[in-house]
Protein backbone atom coordinates (compact mmCIF):
# COMPACT_ATOMS: atom_id res chain seq x y z
CA UNK A 1 0.04 0.13 -0.04
CA UNK A 2 1.42 3.43 -0.94
CA UNK A 3 1.73 6.28 1.44
CA UNK A 4 -1.03 8.13 -0.39
CA UNK A 5 -3.38 4.99 -0.16
CA UNK A 6 -2.58 4.71 3.65
CA UNK A 7 -3.32 8.42 4.20
CA UNK A 8 -6.62 8.14 2.38
CA UNK A 9 -7.49 4.91 4.50
CA UNK A 10 -6.56 6.81 7.68
CA UNK A 11 -8.82 9.77 6.81
CA UNK A 12 -11.62 7.47 5.97
CA UNK A 13 -11.15 5.74 9.33
CA UNK A 14 -11.14 8.98 11.18
CA UNK A 15 -14.29 10.15 9.46
CA UNK A 16 -16.22 6.89 10.13
CA UNK A 17 -14.92 6.97 13.91
CA UNK A 18 -16.40 10.47 14.04
CA UNK A 19 -19.61 9.30 12.38
CA UNK A 20 -19.92 6.49 14.81
CA UNK A 21 -19.23 8.67 17.85
CA UNK A 22 -22.00 10.95 16.81
CA UNK A 23 -24.45 8.28 16.22
CA UNK A 24 -23.70 6.73 19.60
CA UNK A 25 -24.07 10.13 21.27
CA UNK A 26 -27.48 10.59 19.61
CA UNK A 27 -28.47 7.06 20.63
CA UNK A 28 -27.37 7.82 24.18
CA UNK A 29 -29.48 11.10 24.14
CA UNK A 30 -32.55 9.18 22.91
CA UNK A 31 -32.08 6.44 25.66
CA UNK A 32 -31.82 9.15 28.42
CA UNK A 33 -35.06 10.81 27.19
CA UNK A 34 -36.79 7.50 27.53
CA UNK A 35 -35.30 6.65 30.95
CA UNK A 36 -36.24 10.14 32.19
CA UNK A 37 -39.71 9.60 31.02
CA UNK A 38 -39.98 6.21 32.64
CA UNK A 39 -38.70 7.85 35.98
CA UNK A 40 -41.24 10.46 35.54
CA UNK A 41 -44.12 7.88 35.08
CA UNK A 42 -42.62 5.92 38.15
CA UNK A 43 -42.29 2.57 36.05
CA UNK A 44 -39.36 0.38 35.37
CA UNK A 45 -41.12 -1.60 32.51
CA UNK A 46 -43.24 -0.29 29.65
CA UNK A 47 -44.86 -1.78 26.55
CA UNK A 48 -44.83 0.65 23.54
CA UNK A 49 -46.26 -0.67 20.41
CA UNK A 50 -44.10 -3.73 19.67
CA UNK A 51 -41.34 -2.72 22.12
CA UNK A 52 -40.87 -3.86 25.69
CA UNK A 53 -38.74 -1.37 27.60
CA UNK A 54 -37.07 -2.18 30.96
CA UNK A 55 -35.11 0.23 33.00
CA UNK A 56 -34.59 -1.66 36.29
CA UNK A 57 -31.92 -1.69 39.06
CA UNK A 58 -29.45 -4.53 38.77
CA UNK A 59 -27.43 -5.72 41.64
CA UNK A 60 -24.12 -7.45 40.97
CA UNK A 61 -21.23 -8.62 43.08
CA UNK A 62 -17.73 -7.83 41.79
CA UNK A 63 -14.38 -9.00 43.22
CA UNK A 64 -12.44 -6.05 44.63
CA UNK A 65 -8.98 -6.98 43.41
CA UNK A 66 -7.45 -3.72 44.52
CA UNK A 67 -8.30 -4.25 48.08
CA UNK A 68 -7.49 -7.99 47.94
CA UNK A 69 -3.99 -6.93 46.66
CA UNK A 70 -3.49 -4.54 49.48
CA UNK A 71 -4.52 -7.05 52.08
CA UNK A 72 -3.10 -10.25 50.59
CA UNK A 73 -0.29 -9.24 48.25
CA UNK A 74 1.54 -12.58 48.38
CA UNK A 75 -1.52 -14.57 47.58
CA UNK A 76 -2.48 -11.96 44.85
CA UNK A 77 0.93 -12.38 43.28
CA UNK A 78 0.62 -16.25 43.06
CA UNK A 79 -2.66 -15.97 40.92
CA UNK A 80 -1.67 -13.04 38.79
CA UNK A 81 -0.60 -13.87 35.32
CA UNK A 82 1.00 -11.64 32.69
CA UNK A 83 -0.91 -11.25 29.39
CA UNK A 84 0.13 -9.75 26.16
CA UNK A 85 -1.92 -7.96 23.39
CA UNK A 86 -1.57 -5.52 20.70
CA UNK A 87 -3.19 -2.05 20.79
CA UNK A 88 -4.06 -0.14 17.50
CA UNK A 89 -4.12 3.63 17.86
CA UNK A 90 -4.17 6.48 15.38
CA UNK A 91 -3.21 9.93 16.78
């Protein structure tokens, strides 16, 4: 691939990423409006036309690795493994 082709691809990539970000922001704004309306109505579930909407509190339990590491550094080290990955960035 030539430098000109690579530059064109990178410009296309940046343009598409901006378009995706804009669409995601618009989708989040719509979701926020729907959630606000559900809160106003005091409901956590609605049927609207063919759509069933739920906005419910979900409780989950997560392992606090930071506290565990602080309290049990030796055990934490035994169960920690190094991983390797590749990160792609365009600045």
